[in-house]
PDB file of all heavy atoms in Angstrom:
ATOM      1  N   ILE A   1      29.017-105.576 -65.525  1.00  0.00           N
ATOM      2  CA  ILE A   1      27.773-106.248 -64.951  1.00  0.00           C
ATOM      3  C   ILE A   1      28.037-107.747 -64.893  1.00  0.00           C
ATOM      4  O   ILE A   1      28.647-108.309 -65.819  1.00  0.00           O
ATOM      5  CB  ILE A   1      26.566-105.931 -65.784  1.00  0.00           C
ATOM      6  CG1 ILE A   1      26.320-104.415 -65.694  1.00  0.00           C
ATOM      7  CG2 ILE A   1      25.363-106.715 -65.382  1.00  0.00           C
ATOM      8  CD1 ILE A   1      25.374-103.940 -66.778  1.00  0.00           C
ATOM      9  N   ILE A   2      27.571-108.377 -63.771  1.00  0.00           N
ATOM     10  CA  ILE A   2      27.681-109.842 -63.720  1.00  0.00           C
ATOM     11  C   ILE A   2      26.254-110.323 -64.123  1.00  0.00           C
ATOM     12  O   ILE A   2      25.270-109.979 -63.537  1.00  0.00           O
ATOM     13  CB  ILE A   2      28.011-110.317 -62.271  1.00  0.00           C
ATOM     14  CG1 ILE A   2      29.414-109.861 -61.910  1.00  0.00           C
ATOM     15  CG2 ILE A   2      27.921-111.782 -62.136  1.00  0.00           C
ATOM     16  CD1 ILE A   2      29.880-110.191 -60.546  1.00  0.00           C
ATOM     17  N   ASP A   3      26.310-111.242 -65.102  1.00  0.00           N
ATOM     18  CA  ASP A   3      25.050-111.861 -65.582  1.00  0.00           C
ATOM     19  C   ASP A   3      25.044-113.299 -65.069  1.00  0.00           C
ATOM     20  O   ASP A   3      25.865-114.154 -65.499  1.00  0.00           O
ATOM     21  CB  ASP A   3      25.044-111.897 -67.123  1.00  0.00           C
ATOM     22  CG  ASP A   3      23.681-112.501 -67.677  1.00  0.00           C
ATOM     23  OD1 ASP A   3      22.863-112.952 -66.846  1.00  0.00           O
ATOM     24  OD2 ASP A   3      23.595-112.571 -68.875  1.00  0.00           O
ATOM     25  N   ALA A   4      24.140-113.561 -64.160  1.00  0.00           N
ATOM     26  CA  ALA A   4      24.047-114.968 -63.509  1.00  0.00           C
ATOM     27  C   ALA A   4      22.742-115.659 -64.069  1.00  0.00           C
ATOM     28  O   ALA A   4      22.424-116.709 -63.527  1.00  0.00           O
ATOM     29  CB  ALA A   4      24.002-114.827 -61.997  1.00  0.00           C
ATOM     30  N   THR A   5      22.229-115.115 -65.111  1.00  0.00           N
ATOM     31  CA  THR A   5      20.920-115.724 -65.616  1.00  0.00           C
ATOM     32  C   THR A   5      21.090-117.208 -66.108  1.00  0.00           C
ATOM     33  O   THR A   5      20.276-117.965 -65.738  1.00  0.00           O
ATOM     34  CB  THR A   5      20.388-114.827 -66.821  1.00  0.00           C
ATOM     35  OG1 THR A   5      20.317-113.525 -66.365  1.00  0.00           O
ATOM     36  CG2 THR A   5      19.055-115.321 -67.240  1.00  0.00           C
ATOM     37  N   LYS A   6      22.191-117.437 -66.813  1.00  0.00           N
ATOM     38  CA  LYS A   6      22.333-118.896 -67.402  1.00  0.00           C
ATOM     39  C   LYS A   6      23.523-119.482 -66.771  1.00  0.00           C
ATOM     40  O   LYS A   6      23.639-120.720 -66.865  1.00  0.00           O
ATOM     41  CB  LYS A   6      22.429-118.787 -68.867  1.00  0.00           C
ATOM     42  CG  LYS A   6      21.169-118.310 -69.588  1.00  0.00           C
ATOM     43  CD  LYS A   6      21.166-118.599 -70.979  1.00  0.00           C
ATOM     44  CE  LYS A   6      19.828-118.233 -71.605  1.00  0.00           C
ATOM     45  NZ  LYS A   6      19.776-118.496 -73.020  1.00  0.00           N
ATOM     46  N   CYS A   7      24.373-118.757 -66.161  1.00  0.00           N
ATOM     47  CA  CYS A   7      25.609-119.427 -65.569  1.00  0.00           C
ATOM     48  C   CYS A   7      25.998-118.759 -64.238  1.00  0.00           C
ATOM     49  O   CYS A   7      26.938-118.011 -64.173  1.00  0.00           O
ATOM     50  CB  CYS A   7      26.778-119.437 -66.521  1.00  0.00           C
ATOM     51  SG  CYS A   7      27.330-117.795 -67.030  1.00  0.00           S
ATOM     52  N   GLY A   8      25.165-118.959 -63.245  1.00  0.00           N
ATOM     53  CA  GLY A   8      25.353-118.337 -61.946  1.00  0.00           C
ATOM     54  C   GLY A   8      25.356-119.345 -60.818  1.00  0.00           C
ATOM     55  O   GLY A   8      25.291-120.542 -61.072  1.00  0.00           O
ATOM     56  N   ASN A   9      25.328-118.897 -59.627  1.00  0.00           N
ATOM     57  CA  ASN A   9      25.259-119.750 -58.500  1.00  0.00           C
ATOM     58  C   ASN A   9      23.999-119.471 -57.698  1.00  0.00           C
ATOM     59  O   ASN A   9      23.120-118.630 -58.138  1.00  0.00           O
ATOM     60  CB  ASN A   9      26.531-119.657 -57.631  1.00  0.00           C
ATOM     61  CG  ASN A   9      26.684-118.276 -57.010  1.00  0.00           C
ATOM     62  OD1 ASN A   9      25.989-117.387 -57.275  1.00  0.00           O
ATOM     63  ND2 ASN A   9      27.638-118.224 -56.117  1.00  0.00           N
ATOM     64  N   LEU A  10      23.822-119.974 -56.474  1.00  0.00           N
ATOM     65  CA  LEU A  10      22.688-119.828 -55.729  1.00  0.00           C
ATOM     66  C   LEU A  10      22.376-118.354 -55.331  1.00  0.00           C
ATOM     67  O   LEU A  10      21.292-117.989 -54.971  1.00  0.00           O
ATOM     68  CB  LEU A  10      22.661-120.716 -54.507  1.00  0.00           C
ATOM     69  CG  LEU A  10      22.516-122.203 -54.695  1.00  0.00           C
ATOM     70  CD1 LEU A  10      22.626-122.993 -53.409  1.00  0.00           C
ATOM     71  CD2 LEU A  10      21.244-122.558 -55.405  1.00  0.00           C
ATOM     72  N   ALA A  11      23.433-117.562 -55.365  1.00  0.00           N
ATOM     73  CA  ALA A  11      23.232-116.125 -54.940  1.00  0.00           C
ATOM     74  C   ALA A  11      22.226-115.462 -55.782  1.00  0.00           C
ATOM     75  O   ALA A  11      21.572-114.414 -55.356  1.00  0.00           O
ATOM     76  CB  ALA A  11      24.582-115.411 -55.037  1.00  0.00           C
ATOM     77  N   ARG A  12      21.992-115.823 -56.970  1.00  0.00           N
ATOM     78  CA  ARG A  12      20.995-115.185 -57.826  1.00  0.00           C
ATOM     79  C   ARG A  12      19.564-115.375 -57.357  1.00  0.00           C
ATOM     80  O   ARG A  12      18.697-114.609 -57.741  1.00  0.00           O
ATOM     81  CB  ARG A  12      21.088-115.708 -59.250  1.00  0.00           C
ATOM     82  CG  ARG A  12      20.597-117.158 -59.494  1.00  0.00           C
ATOM     83  CD  ARG A  12      20.931-117.590 -60.828  1.00  0.00           C
ATOM     84  NE  ARG A  12      20.507-118.972 -61.007  1.00  0.00           N
ATOM     85  CZ  ARG A  12      20.394-119.675 -62.136  1.00  0.00           C
ATOM     86  NH1 ARG A  12      20.712-118.979 -63.281  1.00  0.00           N
ATOM     87  NH2 ARG A  12      20.033-120.831 -62.184  1.00  0.00           N
ATOM     88  N   PHE A  13      19.365-116.280 -56.383  1.00  0.00           N
ATOM     89  CA  PHE A  13      17.992-116.452 -55.848  1.00  0.00           C
ATOM     90  C   PHE A  13      17.683-115.561 -54.647  1.00  0.00           C
ATOM     91  O   PHE A  13      16.637-115.683 -54.001  1.00  0.00           O
ATOM     92  CB  PHE A  13      17.779-117.898 -55.487  1.00  0.00           C
ATOM     93  CG  PHE A  13      17.754-118.849 -56.702  1.00  0.00           C
ATOM     94  CD1 PHE A  13      18.848-119.741 -56.901  1.00  0.00           C
ATOM     95  CD2 PHE A  13      16.773-118.778 -57.571  1.00  0.00           C
ATOM     96  CE1 PHE A  13      18.858-120.616 -58.007  1.00  0.00           C
ATOM     97  CE2 PHE A  13      16.752-119.618 -58.676  1.00  0.00           C
ATOM     98  CZ  PHE A  13      17.769-120.478 -58.933  1.00  0.00           C
ATOM     99  N   ILE A  14      18.691-114.725 -54.235  1.00  0.00           N
ATOM    100  CA  ILE A  14      18.486-113.830 -53.126  1.00  0.00           C
ATOM    101  C   ILE A  14      17.426-112.811 -53.507  1.00  0.00           C
ATOM    102  O   ILE A  14      17.623-112.081 -54.483  1.00  0.00           O
ATOM    103  CB  ILE A  14      19.747-113.195 -52.593  1.00  0.00           C
ATOM    104  CG1 ILE A  14      20.734-114.289 -52.214  1.00  0.00           C
ATOM    105  CG2 ILE A  14      19.478-112.269 -51.392  1.00  0.00           C
ATOM    106  CD1 ILE A  14      22.147-113.781 -51.801  1.00  0.00           C
ATOM    107  N   ASN A  15      16.420-112.622 -52.675  1.00  0.00           N
ATOM    108  CA  ASN A  15      15.354-111.712 -52.964  1.00  0.00           C
ATOM    109  C   ASN A  15      15.604-110.289 -52.302  1.00  0.00           C
ATOM    110  O   ASN A  15      16.350-110.207 -51.318  1.00  0.00           O
ATOM    111  CB  ASN A  15      14.035-112.221 -52.440  1.00  0.00           C
ATOM    112  CG  ASN A  15      13.429-113.232 -53.366  1.00  0.00           C
ATOM    113  OD1 ASN A  15      13.343-113.004 -54.611  1.00  0.00           O
ATOM    114  ND2 ASN A  15      12.965-114.401 -52.857  1.00  0.00           N
ATOM    115  N   HIS A  16      15.004-109.304 -52.904  1.00  0.00           N
ATOM    116  CA  HIS A  16      15.096-107.982 -52.402  1.00  0.00           C
ATOM    117  C   HIS A  16      14.215-107.863 -51.160  1.00  0.00           C
ATOM    118  O   HIS A  16      13.128-108.484 -51.052  1.00  0.00           O
ATOM    119  CB  HIS A  16      14.594-106.957 -53.385  1.00  0.00           C
ATOM    120  CG  HIS A  16      14.239-105.607 -52.782  1.00  0.00           C
ATOM    121  ND1 HIS A  16      15.189-104.650 -52.543  1.00  0.00           N
ATOM    122  CD2 HIS A  16      13.065-105.167 -52.348  1.00  0.00           C
ATOM    123  CE1 HIS A  16      14.631-103.621 -51.952  1.00  0.00           C
ATOM    124  NE2 HIS A  16      13.347-103.894 -51.842  1.00  0.00           N
ATOM    125  N   CYS A  17      14.646-107.032 -50.160  1.00  0.00           N
ATOM    126  CA  CYS A  17      13.820-106.741 -48.974  1.00  0.00           C
ATOM    127  C   CYS A  17      14.203-105.289 -48.628  1.00  0.00           C
ATOM    128  O   CYS A  17      15.345-104.866 -48.638  1.00  0.00           O
ATOM    129  CB  CYS A  17      14.078-107.731 -47.865  1.00  0.00           C
ATOM    130  SG  CYS A  17      13.055-107.374 -46.385  1.00  0.00           S
ATOM    131  N   CYS A  18      13.261-104.527 -48.235  1.00  0.00           N
ATOM    132  CA  CYS A  18      13.452-103.111 -47.702  1.00  0.00           C
ATOM    133  C   CYS A  18      14.086-103.057 -46.405  1.00  0.00           C
ATOM    134  O   CYS A  18      14.749-102.121 -45.999  1.00  0.00           O
ATOM    135  CB  CYS A  18      12.088-102.313 -47.741  1.00  0.00           C
ATOM    136  SG  CYS A  18      11.413-102.161 -49.328  1.00  0.00           S
ATOM    137  N   THR A  19      13.964-104.159 -45.569  1.00  0.00           N
ATOM    138  CA  THR A  19      14.703-104.298 -44.324  1.00  0.00           C
ATOM    139  C   THR A  19      15.506-105.655 -44.386  1.00  0.00           C
ATOM    140  O   THR A  19      15.137-106.606 -43.731  1.00  0.00           O
ATOM    141  CB  THR A  19      13.798-104.296 -43.102  1.00  0.00           C
ATOM    142  OG1 THR A  19      12.797-105.240 -43.344  1.00  0.00           O
ATOM    143  CG2 THR A  19      13.141-102.909 -42.903  1.00  0.00           C
ATOM    144  N   PRO A  20      16.611-105.652 -45.143  1.00  0.00           N
ATOM    145  CA  PRO A  20      17.325-106.876 -45.381  1.00  0.00           C
ATOM    146  C   PRO A  20      18.220-107.297 -44.215  1.00  0.00           C
ATOM    147  O   PRO A  20      18.542-106.557 -43.327  1.00  0.00           O
ATOM    148  CB  PRO A  20      18.185-106.532 -46.606  1.00  0.00           C
ATOM    149  CG  PRO A  20      18.442-105.036 -46.411  1.00  0.00           C
ATOM    150  CD  PRO A  20      17.205-104.490 -45.778  1.00  0.00           C
ATOM    151  N   ASN A  21      18.614-108.604 -44.270  1.00  0.00           N
ATOM    152  CA  ASN A  21      19.444-109.124 -43.241  1.00  0.00           C
ATOM    153  C   ASN A  21      20.940-109.266 -43.840  1.00  0.00           C
ATOM    154  O   ASN A  21      21.902-109.622 -43.066  1.00  0.00           O
ATOM    155  CB  ASN A  21      19.035-110.479 -42.723  1.00  0.00           C
ATOM    156  CG  ASN A  21      18.752-111.538 -43.730  1.00  0.00           C
ATOM    157  OD1 ASN A  21      19.225-111.384 -44.874  1.00  0.00           O
ATOM    158  ND2 ASN A  21      18.030-112.592 -43.392  1.00  0.00           N
ATOM    159  N   CYS A  22      21.042-108.835 -45.056  1.00  0.00           N
ATOM    160  CA  CYS A  22      22.390-108.870 -45.689  1.00  0.00           C
ATOM    161  C   CYS A  22      22.689-107.642 -46.578  1.00  0.00           C
ATOM    162  O   CYS A  22      21.696-106.934 -46.821  1.00  0.00           O
ATOM    163  CB  CYS A  22      22.566-110.163 -46.631  1.00  0.00           C
ATOM    164  SG  CYS A  22      22.614-111.710 -45.684  1.00  0.00           S
ATOM    165  N   TYR A  23      23.917-107.476 -47.009  1.00  0.00           N
ATOM    166  CA  TYR A  23      24.208-106.376 -47.976  1.00  0.00           C
ATOM    167  C   TYR A  23      25.220-106.927 -48.918  1.00  0.00           C
ATOM    168  O   TYR A  23      25.916-107.841 -48.636  1.00  0.00           O
ATOM    169  CB  TYR A  23      24.652-105.145 -47.206  1.00  0.00           C
ATOM    170  CG  TYR A  23      26.037-105.379 -46.459  1.00  0.00           C
ATOM    171  CD1 TYR A  23      27.177-104.943 -47.023  1.00  0.00           C
ATOM    172  CD2 TYR A  23      25.983-105.847 -45.135  1.00  0.00           C
ATOM    173  CE1 TYR A  23      28.401-105.147 -46.268  1.00  0.00           C
ATOM    174  CE2 TYR A  23      27.153-105.989 -44.437  1.00  0.00           C
ATOM    175  CZ  TYR A  23      28.423-105.664 -45.021  1.00  0.00           C
ATOM    176  OH  TYR A  23      29.533-105.875 -44.375  1.00  0.00           O
ATOM    177  N   ALA A  24      25.237-106.254 -50.100  1.00  0.00           N
ATOM    178  CA  ALA A  24      26.222-106.578 -51.148  1.00  0.00           C
ATOM    179  C   ALA A  24      27.331-105.618 -51.094  1.00  0.00           C
ATOM    180  O   ALA A  24      27.118-104.447 -50.917  1.00  0.00           O
ATOM    181  CB  ALA A  24      25.467-106.618 -52.556  1.00  0.00           C
ATOM    182  N   LYS A  25      28.553-106.097 -51.322  1.00  0.00           N
ATOM    183  CA  LYS A  25      29.713-105.272 -51.295  1.00  0.00           C
ATOM    184  C   LYS A  25      30.716-105.693 -52.482  1.00  0.00           C
ATOM    185  O   LYS A  25      30.884-106.969 -52.712  1.00  0.00           O
ATOM    186  CB  LYS A  25      30.439-105.458 -49.927  1.00  0.00           C
ATOM    187  CG  LYS A  25      31.659-104.576 -49.823  1.00  0.00           C
ATOM    188  CD  LYS A  25      32.235-104.744 -48.395  1.00  0.00           C
ATOM    189  CE  LYS A  25      33.405-103.846 -48.227  1.00  0.00           C
ATOM    190  NZ  LYS A  25      34.043-104.030 -46.867  1.00  0.00           N
ATOM    191  N   VAL A  26      31.153-104.718 -53.168  1.00  0.00           N
ATOM    192  CA  VAL A  26      32.100-104.997 -54.220  1.00  0.00           C
ATOM    193  C   VAL A  26      33.497-105.027 -53.591  1.00  0.00           C
ATOM    194  O   VAL A  26      33.918-104.064 -52.901  1.00  0.00           O
ATOM    195  CB  VAL A  26      32.039-103.930 -55.336  1.00  0.00           C
ATOM    196  CG1 VAL A  26      33.181-104.168 -56.438  1.00  0.00           C
ATOM    197  CG2 VAL A  26      30.710-103.915 -56.004  1.00  0.00           C
ATOM    198  N   ILE A  27      34.234-106.096 -53.747  1.00  0.00           N
ATOM    199  CA  ILE A  27      35.614-106.210 -53.250  1.00  0.00           C
ATOM    200  C   ILE A  27      36.551-106.559 -54.410  1.00  0.00           C
ATOM    201  O   ILE A  27      36.099-107.032 -55.422  1.00  0.00           O
ATOM    202  CB  ILE A  27      35.720-107.250 -52.121  1.00  0.00           C
ATOM    203  CG1 ILE A  27      35.386-108.628 -52.635  1.00  0.00           C
ATOM    204  CG2 ILE A  27      34.822-106.911 -50.878  1.00  0.00           C
ATOM    205  CD1 ILE A  27      35.684-109.812 -51.658  1.00  0.00           C
ATOM    206  N   THR A  28      37.789-106.188 -54.229  1.00  0.00           N
ATOM    207  CA  THR A  28      38.834-106.484 -55.247  1.00  0.00           C
ATOM    208  C   THR A  28      39.794-107.576 -54.729  1.00  0.00           C
ATOM    209  O   THR A  28      40.347-107.398 -53.634  1.00  0.00           O
ATOM    210  CB  THR A  28      39.545-105.194 -55.609  1.00  0.00           C
ATOM    211  OG1 THR A  28      38.652-104.228 -56.041  1.00  0.00           O
ATOM    212  CG2 THR A  28      40.539-105.428 -56.744  1.00  0.00           C
ATOM    213  N   ILE A  29      39.833-108.610 -55.514  1.00  0.00           N
ATOM    214  CA  ILE A  29      40.811-109.662 -55.207  1.00  0.00           C
ATOM    215  C   ILE A  29      41.677-109.959 -56.399  1.00  0.00           C
ATOM    216  O   ILE A  29      41.139-110.239 -57.490  1.00  0.00           O
ATOM    217  CB  ILE A  29      40.118-111.053 -54.789  1.00  0.00           C
ATOM    218  CG1 ILE A  29      39.202-110.802 -53.537  1.00  0.00           C
ATOM    219  CG2 ILE A  29      41.032-112.117 -54.563  1.00  0.00           C
ATOM    220  CD1 ILE A  29      38.363-111.961 -53.122  1.00  0.00           C
ATOM    221  N   GLU A  30      42.972-109.747 -56.231  1.00  0.00           N
ATOM    222  CA  GLU A  30      43.962-110.009 -57.342  1.00  0.00           C
ATOM    223  C   GLU A  30      43.504-109.168 -58.531  1.00  0.00           C
ATOM    224  O   GLU A  30      43.397-109.675 -59.659  1.00  0.00           O
ATOM    225  CB  GLU A  30      44.177-111.441 -57.679  1.00  0.00           C
ATOM    226  CG  GLU A  30      44.765-112.240 -56.421  1.00  0.00           C
ATOM    227  CD  GLU A  30      44.897-113.655 -56.722  1.00  0.00           C
ATOM    228  OE1 GLU A  30      44.589-114.131 -57.830  1.00  0.00           O
ATOM    229  OE2 GLU A  30      45.302-114.357 -55.766  1.00  0.00           O
ATOM    230  N   ALA A  31      43.217-107.917 -58.348  1.00  0.00           N
ATOM    231  CA  ALA A  31      42.842-106.931 -59.389  1.00  0.00           C
ATOM    232  C   ALA A  31      41.512-107.217 -60.106  1.00  0.00           C
ATOM    233  O   ALA A  31      41.151-106.642 -61.142  1.00  0.00           O
ATOM    234  CB  ALA A  31      43.933-106.838 -60.487  1.00  0.00           C
ATOM    235  N   GLN A  32      40.705-108.168 -59.571  1.00  0.00           N
ATOM    236  CA  GLN A  32      39.398-108.499 -60.121  1.00  0.00           C
ATOM    237  C   GLN A  32      38.320-108.171 -59.081  1.00  0.00           C
ATOM    238  O   GLN A  32      38.385-108.533 -57.974  1.00  0.00           O
ATOM    239  CB  GLN A  32      39.309-109.994 -60.500  1.00  0.00           C
ATOM    240  CG  GLN A  32      38.113-110.286 -61.270  1.00  0.00           C
ATOM    241  CD  GLN A  32      38.097-111.714 -61.888  1.00  0.00           C
ATOM    242  OE1 GLN A  32      38.878-112.575 -61.421  1.00  0.00           O
ATOM    243  NE2 GLN A  32      37.266-111.947 -62.828  1.00  0.00           N
ATOM    244  N   LYS A  33      37.315-107.389 -59.622  1.00  0.00           N
ATOM    245  CA  LYS A  33      36.230-106.990 -58.729  1.00  0.00           C
ATOM    246  C   LYS A  33      35.226-108.146 -58.581  1.00  0.00           C
ATOM    247  O   LYS A  33      34.889-108.735 -59.682  1.00  0.00           O
ATOM    248  CB  LYS A  33      35.554-105.755 -59.270  1.00  0.00           C
ATOM    249  CG  LYS A  33      36.362-104.467 -59.164  1.00  0.00           C
ATOM    250  CD  LYS A  33      35.715-103.310 -59.578  1.00  0.00           C
ATOM    251  CE  LYS A  33      36.537-102.064 -59.499  1.00  0.00           C
ATOM    252  NZ  LYS A  33      35.859-100.822 -60.016  1.00  0.00           N
ATOM    253  N   LYS A  34      34.752-108.338 -57.377  1.00  0.00           N
ATOM    254  CA  LYS A  34      33.785-109.394 -57.170  1.00  0.00           C
ATOM    255  C   LYS A  34      32.675-108.865 -56.268  1.00  0.00           C
ATOM    256  O   LYS A  34      32.914-107.891 -55.493  1.00  0.00           O
ATOM    257  CB  LYS A  34      34.412-110.542 -56.467  1.00  0.00           C
ATOM    258  CG  LYS A  34      35.533-111.211 -57.250  1.00  0.00           C
ATOM    259  CD  LYS A  34      36.172-112.315 -56.598  1.00  0.00           C
ATOM    260  CE  LYS A  34      37.173-113.016 -57.387  1.00  0.00           C
ATOM    261  NZ  LYS A  34      36.639-113.883 -58.425  1.00  0.00           N
ATOM    262  N   ILE A  35      31.499-109.387 -56.321  1.00  0.00           N
ATOM    263  CA  ILE A  35      30.391-109.041 -55.480  1.00  0.00           C
ATOM    264  C   ILE A  35      30.173-110.110 -54.458  1.00  0.00           C
ATOM    265  O   ILE A  35      30.069-111.290 -54.745  1.00  0.00           O
ATOM    266  CB  ILE A  35      29.051-108.815 -56.290  1.00  0.00           C
ATOM    267  CG1 ILE A  35      29.180-107.704 -57.254  1.00  0.00           C
ATOM    268  CG2 ILE A  35      27.923-108.554 -55.386  1.00  0.00           C
ATOM    269  CD1 ILE A  35      28.094-107.634 -58.248  1.00  0.00           C
ATOM    270  N   VAL A  36      30.238-109.688 -53.206  1.00  0.00           N
ATOM    271  CA  VAL A  36      30.128-110.568 -52.095  1.00  0.00           C
ATOM    272  C   VAL A  36      28.968-110.165 -51.205  1.00  0.00           C
ATOM    273  O   VAL A  36      28.795-109.030 -50.943  1.00  0.00           O
ATOM    274  CB  VAL A  36      31.441-110.698 -51.265  1.00  0.00           C
ATOM    275  CG1 VAL A  36      31.290-111.629 -50.047  1.00  0.00           C
ATOM    276  CG2 VAL A  36      32.614-111.089 -52.106  1.00  0.00           C
ATOM    277  N   ILE A  37      28.136-111.094 -50.735  1.00  0.00           N
ATOM    278  CA  ILE A  37      27.075-110.836 -49.922  1.00  0.00           C
ATOM    279  C   ILE A  37      27.450-111.153 -48.478  1.00  0.00           C
ATOM    280  O   ILE A  37      27.979-112.207 -48.160  1.00  0.00           O
ATOM    281  CB  ILE A  37      25.822-111.761 -50.230  1.00  0.00           C
ATOM    282  CG1 ILE A  37      25.497-111.672 -51.781  1.00  0.00           C
ATOM    283  CG2 ILE A  37      24.591-111.400 -49.406  1.00  0.00           C
ATOM    284  CD1 ILE A  37      25.137-110.308 -52.325  1.00  0.00           C
ATOM    285  N   TYR A  38      27.280-110.114 -47.566  1.00  0.00           N
ATOM    286  CA  TYR A  38      27.668-110.199 -46.159  1.00  0.00           C
ATOM    287  C   TYR A  38      26.417-110.091 -45.298  1.00  0.00           C
ATOM    288  O   TYR A  38      25.455-109.383 -45.642  1.00  0.00           O
ATOM    289  CB  TYR A  38      28.605-109.104 -45.725  1.00  0.00           C
ATOM    290  CG  TYR A  38      29.986-109.207 -46.312  1.00  0.00           C
ATOM    291  CD1 TYR A  38      30.337-108.557 -47.534  1.00  0.00           C
ATOM    292  CD2 TYR A  38      30.966-109.899 -45.598  1.00  0.00           C
ATOM    293  CE1 TYR A  38      31.604-108.686 -48.095  1.00  0.00           C
ATOM    294  CE2 TYR A  38      32.237-110.014 -46.138  1.00  0.00           C
ATOM    295  CZ  TYR A  38      32.609-109.392 -47.339  1.00  0.00           C
ATOM    296  OH  TYR A  38      33.799-109.516 -47.937  1.00  0.00           O
ATOM    297  N   SER A  39      26.428-110.722 -44.185  1.00  0.00           N
ATOM    298  CA  SER A  39      25.324-110.679 -43.197  1.00  0.00           C
ATOM    299  C   SER A  39      25.322-109.284 -42.458  1.00  0.00           C
ATOM    300  O   SER A  39      26.432-108.908 -41.997  1.00  0.00           O
ATOM    301  CB  SER A  39      25.313-111.788 -42.254  1.00  0.00           C
ATOM    302  OG  SER A  39      26.536-111.918 -41.546  1.00  0.00           O
ATOM    303  N   LYS A  40      24.214-108.683 -42.297  1.00  0.00           N
ATOM    304  CA  LYS A  40      24.161-107.376 -41.483  1.00  0.00           C
ATOM    305  C   LYS A  40      23.906-107.738 -40.015  1.00  0.00           C
ATOM    306  O   LYS A  40      24.201-106.877 -39.162  1.00  0.00           O
ATOM    307  CB  LYS A  40      22.965-106.510 -41.987  1.00  0.00           C
ATOM    308  CG  LYS A  40      23.124-105.894 -43.332  1.00  0.00           C
ATOM    309  CD  LYS A  40      21.925-105.183 -43.700  1.00  0.00           C
ATOM    310  CE  LYS A  40      21.713-103.880 -42.947  1.00  0.00           C
ATOM    311  NZ  LYS A  40      20.645-102.980 -43.449  1.00  0.00           N
ATOM    312  N   GLN A  41      23.343-108.872 -39.782  1.00  0.00           N
ATOM    313  CA  GLN A  41      22.903-109.292 -38.464  1.00  0.00           C
ATOM    314  C   GLN A  41      22.975-110.794 -38.328  1.00  0.00           C
ATOM    315  O   GLN A  41      23.199-111.450 -39.361  1.00  0.00           O
ATOM    316  CB  GLN A  41      21.454-108.796 -38.219  1.00  0.00           C
ATOM    317  CG  GLN A  41      20.532-109.401 -39.180  1.00  0.00           C
ATOM    318  CD  GLN A  41      19.215-108.627 -39.428  1.00  0.00           C
ATOM    319  OE1 GLN A  41      19.287-107.440 -39.493  1.00  0.00           O
ATOM    320  NE2 GLN A  41      18.147-109.395 -39.592  1.00  0.00           N
ATOM    321  N   ALA A  42      22.742-111.374 -37.183  1.00  0.00           N
ATOM    322  CA  ALA A  42      22.684-112.749 -36.998  1.00  0.00           C
ATOM    323  C   ALA A  42      21.474-113.262 -37.790  1.00  0.00           C
ATOM    324  O   ALA A  42      20.376-112.716 -37.864  1.00  0.00           O
ATOM    325  CB  ALA A  42      22.552-113.123 -35.587  1.00  0.00           C
ATOM    326  N   ILE A  43      21.728-114.446 -38.448  1.00  0.00           N
ATOM    327  CA  ILE A  43      20.674-115.052 -39.356  1.00  0.00           C
ATOM    328  C   ILE A  43      20.439-116.472 -38.820  1.00  0.00           C
ATOM    329  O   ILE A  43      21.447-117.215 -38.713  1.00  0.00           O
ATOM    330  CB  ILE A  43      21.084-115.040 -40.810  1.00  0.00           C
ATOM    331  CG1 ILE A  43      21.263-113.626 -41.261  1.00  0.00           C
ATOM    332  CG2 ILE A  43      19.994-115.771 -41.652  1.00  0.00           C
ATOM    333  CD1 ILE A  43      21.833-113.472 -42.631  1.00  0.00           C
ATOM    334  N   GLY A  44      19.207-116.868 -38.579  1.00  0.00           N
ATOM    335  CA  GLY A  44      19.001-118.165 -38.015  1.00  0.00           C
ATOM    336  C   GLY A  44      18.806-119.218 -39.123  1.00  0.00           C
ATOM    337  O   GLY A  44      18.631-118.904 -40.286  1.00  0.00           O
TER     338      GLY A  44
END
């Protein structure tokens, strides 16, 4: 689990939405899993 409560970045402020404009994806870089937020659609 990634805990961003006390040592995170701005991504922790992303709110939930039932019809979101982004999605979260777990990717592996150099054997380390990371969570990356990608856009589902164009965002203004």
